């Protein structure tokens, strides 16, 4: 069994049990965004978190162990994503990436936004013309050091 196998088990058991990511997040004790990333193989769970999720999803012991291993991060199967929803983020970065970079540098200076000291919130915003997706990315600014 490898980490990809564990992800597939999680997806199957989640679907069969009719669970939502927010319910699994309550079990783990973190946000639905972080928990989803963890259960899809991008973060490391503690022994307690892995055991709790393992019990909820009825995962085998080997899967629970693999949830505690530091993963190889980056889960897209191709350089340019083909899934329409994920592709829109790729498109967003292609169109607005240089503007985001310029505005961050203008406001903060030469550096980057951390994806390690980071949080994300995804929510639905009601709109009579069609509900909207609101995504808030909140990362610590890390200035480049001189040495």
N, C-alpha and C. Protein backbone atom coordinates (compact mmCIF):
# COMPACT_ATOMS: atom_id res chain seq x y z
N UNK A 1 0.86 -1.18 0.00
CA UNK A 1 0.00 0.00 0.00
C UNK A 1 0.90 1.24 0.00
N UNK A 2 0.52 2.24 -0.80
CA UNK A 2 1.23 3.51 -0.79
C UNK A 2 0.25 4.64 -0.47
N UNK A 3 0.74 5.86 -0.41
CA UNK A 3 -0.11 6.99 0.01
C UNK A 3 -1.24 7.24 -0.97
N UNK A 4 -1.01 7.01 -2.26
CA UNK A 4 -2.09 7.17 -3.24
C UNK A 4 -3.21 6.16 -3.00
N UNK A 5 -2.83 4.95 -2.61
CA UNK A 5 -3.83 3.93 -2.27
C UNK A 5 -4.67 4.38 -1.08
N UNK A 6 -4.01 5.00 -0.10
CA UNK A 6 -4.72 5.49 1.10
C UNK A 6 -5.72 6.57 0.70
N UNK A 7 -5.31 7.47 -0.16
CA UNK A 7 -6.21 8.53 -0.63
C UNK A 7 -7.45 7.92 -1.28
N UNK A 8 -7.24 6.93 -2.13
CA UNK A 8 -8.38 6.29 -2.79
C UNK A 8 -9.29 5.59 -1.79
N UNK A 9 -8.71 4.94 -0.77
CA UNK A 9 -9.51 4.32 0.29
C UNK A 9 -10.35 5.36 1.03
N UNK A 10 -9.70 6.48 1.34
CA UNK A 10 -10.41 7.56 2.06
C UNK A 10 -11.59 8.04 1.23
N UNK A 11 -11.39 8.26 -0.06
CA UNK A 11 -12.47 8.74 -0.92
C UNK A 11 -13.61 7.73 -1.00
N UNK A 12 -13.28 6.46 -1.11
CA UNK A 12 -14.31 5.42 -1.19
C UNK A 12 -15.10 5.35 0.11
N UNK A 13 -14.39 5.30 1.25
CA UNK A 13 -15.07 5.18 2.54
C UNK A 13 -15.87 6.44 2.88
N UNK A 14 -15.34 7.59 2.54
CA UNK A 14 -16.06 8.86 2.76
C UNK A 14 -17.38 8.84 2.00
N UNK A 15 -17.31 8.42 0.73
CA UNK A 15 -18.52 8.38 -0.10
C UNK A 15 -19.52 7.35 0.44
N UNK A 16 -19.03 6.16 0.76
CA UNK A 16 -19.92 5.10 1.25
C UNK A 16 -20.60 5.48 2.56
N UNK A 17 -19.90 6.23 3.41
CA UNK A 17 -20.47 6.61 4.70
C UNK A 17 -21.26 7.92 4.62
N UNK A 18 -21.23 8.57 3.45
CA UNK A 18 -21.98 9.81 3.27
C UNK A 18 -21.43 10.96 4.11
N UNK A 19 -20.12 10.97 4.32
CA UNK A 19 -19.50 12.00 5.16
C UNK A 19 -19.11 13.22 4.34
N UNK A 20 -19.06 14.36 5.00
CA UNK A 20 -18.56 15.60 4.39
C UNK A 20 -17.15 15.86 4.94
N UNK A 21 -16.38 16.62 4.19
CA UNK A 21 -15.03 16.98 4.64
C UNK A 21 -15.08 17.70 5.98
N UNK A 22 -16.12 18.52 6.17
CA UNK A 22 -16.23 19.25 7.45
C UNK A 22 -16.42 18.29 8.63
N UNK A 23 -17.09 17.16 8.40
CA UNK A 23 -17.25 16.17 9.47
C UNK A 23 -15.91 15.49 9.79
N UNK A 24 -15.15 15.19 8.76
CA UNK A 24 -13.83 14.62 8.98
C UNK A 24 -12.91 15.64 9.66
N UNK A 25 -13.08 16.91 9.29
CA UNK A 25 -12.28 17.97 9.92
C UNK A 25 -12.57 18.07 11.42
N UNK A 26 -13.83 17.89 11.79
CA UNK A 26 -14.18 17.92 13.21
C UNK A 26 -13.48 16.78 13.95
N UNK A 27 -13.34 15.65 13.31
CA UNK A 27 -12.64 14.51 13.89
C UNK A 27 -11.15 14.82 14.06
N UNK A 28 -10.57 15.44 13.05
CA UNK A 28 -9.14 15.75 13.06
C UNK A 28 -8.84 16.93 13.99
N UNK A 29 -9.77 17.89 14.05
CA UNK A 29 -9.55 19.07 14.89
C UNK A 29 -8.90 20.23 14.18
N UNK A 30 -8.98 20.24 12.86
CA UNK A 30 -8.45 21.36 12.07
C UNK A 30 -9.53 21.80 11.07
N UNK A 31 -9.22 22.82 10.28
CA UNK A 31 -10.17 23.35 9.30
C UNK A 31 -10.48 22.29 8.25
N UNK A 32 -11.62 22.49 7.57
CA UNK A 32 -11.97 21.56 6.49
C UNK A 32 -10.97 21.66 5.35
N UNK A 33 -10.40 22.84 5.14
CA UNK A 33 -9.44 23.04 4.07
C UNK A 33 -8.14 22.26 4.34
N UNK A 34 -7.61 22.40 5.55
CA UNK A 34 -6.36 21.70 5.91
C UNK A 34 -6.61 20.19 5.95
N UNK A 35 -7.71 19.79 6.55
CA UNK A 35 -8.02 18.37 6.69
C UNK A 35 -8.19 17.72 5.32
N UNK A 36 -8.86 18.39 4.41
CA UNK A 36 -9.03 17.84 3.06
C UNK A 36 -7.67 17.65 2.40
N UNK A 37 -6.81 18.66 2.50
CA UNK A 37 -5.46 18.53 1.94
C UNK A 37 -4.72 17.36 2.59
N UNK A 38 -4.85 17.22 3.89
CA UNK A 38 -4.17 16.11 4.59
C UNK A 38 -4.68 14.76 4.13
N UNK A 39 -6.00 14.63 4.05
CA UNK A 39 -6.57 13.33 3.69
C UNK A 39 -6.40 13.01 2.21
N UNK A 40 -6.11 14.02 1.41
CA UNK A 40 -5.79 13.80 0.00
C UNK A 40 -4.29 13.61 -0.21
N UNK A 41 -3.53 13.56 0.89
CA UNK A 41 -2.12 13.20 0.80
C UNK A 41 -1.12 14.33 0.82
N UNK A 42 -1.51 15.53 1.23
CA UNK A 42 -0.61 16.67 1.17
C UNK A 42 -0.09 17.16 2.52
N UNK A 43 -0.60 16.62 3.61
CA UNK A 43 -0.17 17.02 4.95
C UNK A 43 0.03 15.75 5.78
N UNK A 44 0.65 15.93 6.94
CA UNK A 44 0.93 14.81 7.84
C UNK A 44 0.01 14.89 9.05
N UNK A 45 -0.64 13.79 9.39
CA UNK A 45 -1.48 13.73 10.59
C UNK A 45 -0.66 13.22 11.76
N UNK A 46 -1.05 13.63 12.97
CA UNK A 46 -0.45 13.07 14.17
C UNK A 46 -1.01 11.65 14.35
N UNK A 47 -0.40 10.90 15.26
CA UNK A 47 -0.88 9.54 15.53
C UNK A 47 -2.33 9.57 16.00
N UNK A 48 -2.67 10.54 16.85
CA UNK A 48 -4.03 10.64 17.38
C UNK A 48 -5.03 10.98 16.28
N UNK A 49 -4.67 11.94 15.43
CA UNK A 49 -5.55 12.33 14.33
C UNK A 49 -5.74 11.17 13.35
N UNK A 50 -4.66 10.50 13.00
CA UNK A 50 -4.73 9.38 12.07
C UNK A 50 -5.59 8.26 12.63
N UNK A 51 -5.43 7.98 13.93
CA UNK A 51 -6.23 6.92 14.56
C UNK A 51 -7.71 7.29 14.56
N UNK A 52 -8.02 8.55 14.84
CA UNK A 52 -9.42 8.98 14.89
C UNK A 52 -10.07 8.89 13.50
N UNK A 53 -9.38 9.36 12.48
CA UNK A 53 -9.91 9.28 11.12
C UNK A 53 -9.98 7.82 10.67
N UNK A 54 -8.96 7.06 11.03
CA UNK A 54 -8.95 5.65 10.69
C UNK A 54 -10.16 4.92 11.26
N UNK A 55 -10.51 5.25 12.51
CA UNK A 55 -11.68 4.63 13.14
C UNK A 55 -12.96 5.08 12.45
N UNK A 56 -13.05 6.38 12.18
CA UNK A 56 -14.27 6.90 11.55
C UNK A 56 -14.50 6.32 10.16
N UNK A 57 -13.41 6.15 9.42
CA UNK A 57 -13.52 5.65 8.04
C UNK A 57 -13.28 4.15 7.94
N UNK A 58 -12.99 3.50 9.07
CA UNK A 58 -12.71 2.06 9.10
C UNK A 58 -11.57 1.71 8.16
N UNK A 59 -10.45 2.43 8.32
CA UNK A 59 -9.26 2.19 7.50
C UNK A 59 -8.39 1.11 8.13
N UNK A 60 -7.66 0.35 7.31
CA UNK A 60 -6.73 -0.63 7.86
C UNK A 60 -5.56 0.05 8.57
N UNK A 61 -4.90 -0.70 9.44
CA UNK A 61 -3.78 -0.16 10.24
C UNK A 61 -2.69 0.43 9.36
N UNK A 62 -2.38 -0.22 8.24
CA UNK A 62 -1.34 0.29 7.35
C UNK A 62 -1.70 1.67 6.80
N UNK A 63 -2.96 1.90 6.50
CA UNK A 63 -3.40 3.22 6.02
C UNK A 63 -3.23 4.27 7.12
N UNK A 64 -3.59 3.91 8.33
CA UNK A 64 -3.44 4.83 9.47
C UNK A 64 -1.97 5.19 9.65
N UNK A 65 -1.08 4.23 9.50
CA UNK A 65 0.36 4.50 9.59
C UNK A 65 0.80 5.46 8.49
N UNK A 66 0.34 5.24 7.27
CA UNK A 66 0.76 6.08 6.15
C UNK A 66 0.25 7.51 6.26
N UNK A 67 -0.85 7.72 6.97
CA UNK A 67 -1.34 9.09 7.19
C UNK A 67 -0.37 9.90 8.04
N UNK A 68 0.54 9.24 8.73
CA UNK A 68 1.49 9.89 9.62
C UNK A 68 2.86 10.11 8.99
N UNK A 69 3.02 9.70 7.73
CA UNK A 69 4.29 9.84 7.03
C UNK A 69 4.31 11.18 6.29
N UNK A 70 5.42 11.89 6.36
CA UNK A 70 5.55 13.17 5.65
C UNK A 70 5.41 12.88 4.15
N UNK A 71 4.44 13.53 3.49
CA UNK A 71 4.17 13.21 2.08
C UNK A 71 5.10 13.93 1.12
N UNK A 72 5.14 13.42 -0.10
CA UNK A 72 5.73 14.13 -1.22
C UNK A 72 4.65 15.09 -1.68
N UNK A 73 4.87 16.39 -1.53
CA UNK A 73 3.83 17.36 -1.81
C UNK A 73 3.75 17.68 -3.31
N UNK A 74 2.56 18.02 -3.72
CA UNK A 74 2.30 18.32 -5.12
C UNK A 74 1.54 17.14 -5.72
N UNK A 75 0.26 17.33 -5.96
CA UNK A 75 -0.56 16.18 -6.31
C UNK A 75 -1.13 16.21 -7.72
N UNK A 76 -0.80 17.21 -8.49
CA UNK A 76 -1.38 17.26 -9.83
C UNK A 76 -0.69 16.26 -10.74
N UNK A 77 -1.46 15.51 -11.52
CA UNK A 77 -0.87 14.46 -12.36
C UNK A 77 -0.15 14.99 -13.60
N UNK A 78 -0.43 16.24 -13.99
CA UNK A 78 0.21 16.80 -15.17
C UNK A 78 0.65 18.23 -14.87
N UNK A 79 1.60 18.75 -15.67
CA UNK A 79 2.07 20.11 -15.47
C UNK A 79 0.95 21.12 -15.67
N UNK A 80 0.16 20.94 -16.69
CA UNK A 80 -1.01 21.78 -16.92
C UNK A 80 -2.23 20.94 -16.55
N UNK A 81 -2.96 21.34 -15.52
CA UNK A 81 -4.08 20.51 -15.09
C UNK A 81 -5.17 20.41 -16.15
N UNK A 82 -5.79 19.25 -16.21
CA UNK A 82 -6.86 19.03 -17.18
C UNK A 82 -8.25 19.08 -16.55
N UNK A 83 -8.33 18.92 -15.23
CA UNK A 83 -9.63 19.04 -14.57
C UNK A 83 -10.11 20.48 -14.71
N UNK A 84 -11.34 20.72 -15.17
CA UNK A 84 -11.81 22.08 -15.43
C UNK A 84 -11.72 23.03 -14.22
N UNK A 85 -12.08 22.55 -13.03
CA UNK A 85 -12.04 23.43 -11.87
C UNK A 85 -10.59 23.78 -11.52
N UNK A 86 -9.72 22.80 -11.50
CA UNK A 86 -8.31 23.07 -11.19
C UNK A 86 -7.67 23.91 -12.29
N UNK A 87 -8.04 23.67 -13.55
CA UNK A 87 -7.50 24.46 -14.65
C UNK A 87 -7.82 25.94 -14.48
N UNK A 88 -8.99 26.26 -13.94
CA UNK A 88 -9.35 27.68 -13.75
C UNK A 88 -8.38 28.38 -12.80
N UNK A 89 -7.85 27.64 -11.82
CA UNK A 89 -6.84 28.24 -10.94
C UNK A 89 -5.53 28.45 -11.69
N UNK A 90 -5.19 27.50 -12.54
CA UNK A 90 -4.01 27.64 -13.39
C UNK A 90 -4.18 28.87 -14.29
N UNK A 91 -5.37 29.00 -14.87
CA UNK A 91 -5.68 30.14 -15.72
C UNK A 91 -5.62 31.44 -14.92
N UNK A 92 -6.16 31.42 -13.71
CA UNK A 92 -6.15 32.59 -12.84
C UNK A 92 -4.72 33.06 -12.58
N UNK A 93 -3.83 32.12 -12.28
CA UNK A 93 -2.43 32.48 -12.03
C UNK A 93 -1.77 32.98 -13.31
N UNK A 94 -2.11 32.37 -14.47
CA UNK A 94 -1.54 32.84 -15.74
C UNK A 94 -1.97 34.27 -16.05
N UNK A 95 -3.23 34.59 -15.77
CA UNK A 95 -3.75 35.92 -16.10
C UNK A 95 -3.38 36.95 -15.03
N UNK A 96 -3.54 36.58 -13.75
CA UNK A 96 -3.37 37.55 -12.67
C UNK A 96 -2.08 37.38 -11.87
N UNK A 97 -1.31 36.35 -12.16
CA UNK A 97 -0.10 36.09 -11.37
C UNK A 97 0.87 37.24 -11.32
N UNK A 98 1.13 37.86 -12.46
CA UNK A 98 2.08 38.98 -12.48
C UNK A 98 1.53 40.18 -11.70
N UNK A 99 0.20 40.39 -11.77
CA UNK A 99 -0.41 41.48 -11.00
C UNK A 99 -0.33 41.20 -9.50
N UNK A 100 -0.61 39.95 -9.12
CA UNK A 100 -0.52 39.58 -7.71
C UNK A 100 0.91 39.80 -7.22
N UNK A 101 1.89 39.36 -8.00
CA UNK A 101 3.30 39.52 -7.64
C UNK A 101 3.65 41.00 -7.49
N UNK A 102 3.27 41.82 -8.45
CA UNK A 102 3.58 43.25 -8.40
C UNK A 102 2.96 43.91 -7.16
N UNK A 103 1.69 43.58 -6.91
CA UNK A 103 1.00 44.20 -5.78
C UNK A 103 1.58 43.76 -4.43
N UNK A 104 1.95 42.50 -4.31
CA UNK A 104 2.60 42.03 -3.08
C UNK A 104 3.94 42.71 -2.90
N UNK A 105 4.73 42.79 -3.96
CA UNK A 105 6.04 43.45 -3.85
C UNK A 105 5.91 44.93 -3.52
N UNK A 106 4.92 45.58 -4.12
CA UNK A 106 4.71 47.01 -3.84
C UNK A 106 4.33 47.23 -2.38
N UNK A 107 3.48 46.35 -1.85
CA UNK A 107 2.99 46.51 -0.47
C UNK A 107 3.99 46.03 0.58
N UNK A 108 4.70 44.92 0.29
CA UNK A 108 5.54 44.28 1.30
C UNK A 108 7.03 44.32 1.02
N UNK A 109 7.42 44.49 -0.24
CA UNK A 109 8.82 44.42 -0.61
C UNK A 109 9.13 43.09 -1.30
N UNK A 110 10.43 42.83 -1.46
CA UNK A 110 10.88 41.64 -2.18
C UNK A 110 10.75 40.42 -1.28
N UNK A 111 9.86 39.51 -1.65
CA UNK A 111 9.65 38.30 -0.86
C UNK A 111 8.52 37.48 -1.45
N UNK A 112 8.03 36.55 -0.65
CA UNK A 112 6.98 35.65 -1.10
C UNK A 112 5.90 35.50 -0.03
N UNK A 113 4.77 34.96 -0.44
CA UNK A 113 3.74 34.58 0.51
C UNK A 113 3.95 33.10 0.83
N UNK A 114 4.03 32.80 2.10
CA UNK A 114 4.27 31.42 2.52
C UNK A 114 3.06 30.54 2.24
N UNK A 115 3.34 29.32 1.79
CA UNK A 115 2.30 28.29 1.69
C UNK A 115 2.49 27.30 2.84
N UNK A 116 3.42 27.61 3.75
CA UNK A 116 3.65 26.79 4.94
C UNK A 116 2.97 27.44 6.14
N UNK A 117 3.26 28.71 6.38
CA UNK A 117 2.57 29.47 7.43
C UNK A 117 1.38 30.12 6.73
N UNK A 118 0.31 29.35 6.61
CA UNK A 118 -0.74 29.64 5.64
C UNK A 118 -2.08 29.11 6.14
N UNK A 119 -3.14 29.80 5.76
CA UNK A 119 -4.48 29.28 5.98
C UNK A 119 -5.33 29.61 4.76
N UNK A 120 -6.42 28.87 4.63
CA UNK A 120 -7.32 29.05 3.50
C UNK A 120 -8.74 28.84 4.00
N UNK A 121 -9.66 29.63 3.47
CA UNK A 121 -11.06 29.46 3.82
C UNK A 121 -11.87 29.49 2.53
N UNK A 122 -12.67 28.46 2.34
CA UNK A 122 -13.54 28.37 1.16
C UNK A 122 -14.98 28.41 1.65
N UNK A 123 -15.74 29.34 1.09
CA UNK A 123 -17.13 29.46 1.53
C UNK A 123 -18.03 29.83 0.36
N UNK A 124 -19.33 29.61 0.57
CA UNK A 124 -20.36 29.95 -0.41
C UNK A 124 -20.91 31.33 -0.05
N UNK A 125 -21.04 32.17 -1.06
CA UNK A 125 -21.65 33.49 -0.88
C UNK A 125 -22.91 33.52 -1.73
N UNK A 126 -24.05 33.66 -1.07
CA UNK A 126 -25.33 33.69 -1.78
C UNK A 126 -25.41 34.90 -2.69
N UNK A 127 -25.93 34.69 -3.88
CA UNK A 127 -26.09 35.77 -4.85
C UNK A 127 -27.30 35.43 -5.71
N UNK A 128 -28.23 36.38 -5.89
CA UNK A 128 -29.43 36.09 -6.68
C UNK A 128 -29.11 35.70 -8.13
N UNK A 129 -27.96 36.10 -8.64
CA UNK A 129 -27.58 35.77 -10.01
C UNK A 129 -26.86 34.43 -10.08
N UNK A 130 -26.69 33.77 -8.95
CA UNK A 130 -25.96 32.49 -8.88
C UNK A 130 -24.93 32.57 -7.76
N UNK A 131 -24.94 31.58 -6.89
CA UNK A 131 -24.02 31.60 -5.76
C UNK A 131 -22.58 31.72 -6.23
N UNK A 132 -21.77 32.32 -5.37
CA UNK A 132 -20.37 32.59 -5.68
C UNK A 132 -19.47 31.79 -4.75
N UNK A 133 -18.29 31.49 -5.22
CA UNK A 133 -17.27 30.82 -4.43
C UNK A 133 -16.32 31.88 -3.91
N UNK A 134 -16.14 31.91 -2.60
CA UNK A 134 -15.19 32.85 -2.01
C UNK A 134 -14.03 32.06 -1.43
N UNK A 135 -12.83 32.39 -1.87
CA UNK A 135 -11.62 31.73 -1.38
C UNK A 135 -10.70 32.79 -0.82
N UNK A 136 -10.35 32.63 0.45
CA UNK A 136 -9.42 33.55 1.12
C UNK A 136 -8.13 32.78 1.37
N UNK A 137 -7.04 33.26 0.82
CA UNK A 137 -5.71 32.71 1.04
C UNK A 137 -4.98 33.66 1.98
N UNK A 138 -4.44 33.14 3.06
CA UNK A 138 -3.80 33.98 4.06
C UNK A 138 -2.44 33.38 4.39
N UNK A 139 -1.38 33.97 3.82
CA UNK A 139 -0.04 33.44 4.03
C UNK A 139 0.88 34.50 4.61
N UNK A 140 1.77 34.07 5.47
CA UNK A 140 2.76 34.97 6.07
C UNK A 140 3.69 35.48 4.97
N UNK A 141 4.04 36.77 5.04
CA UNK A 141 5.00 37.32 4.09
C UNK A 141 6.40 36.96 4.56
N UNK A 142 7.20 36.44 3.65
CA UNK A 142 8.57 36.06 3.96
C UNK A 142 9.50 36.87 3.06
N UNK A 143 10.19 37.87 3.64
CA UNK A 143 11.11 38.67 2.83
C UNK A 143 12.37 37.89 2.49
N UNK A 144 12.92 38.16 1.32
CA UNK A 144 14.21 37.56 0.96
C UNK A 144 15.28 38.22 1.82
N UNK A 145 16.20 37.42 2.33
CA UNK A 145 17.28 37.93 3.18
C UNK A 145 18.50 38.27 2.33
N UNK A 146 19.25 39.22 2.80
CA UNK A 146 20.55 39.49 2.19
C UNK A 146 21.60 38.88 3.10
N UNK A 147 22.69 38.42 2.53
CA UNK A 147 23.75 37.80 3.33
C UNK A 147 25.09 38.00 2.69
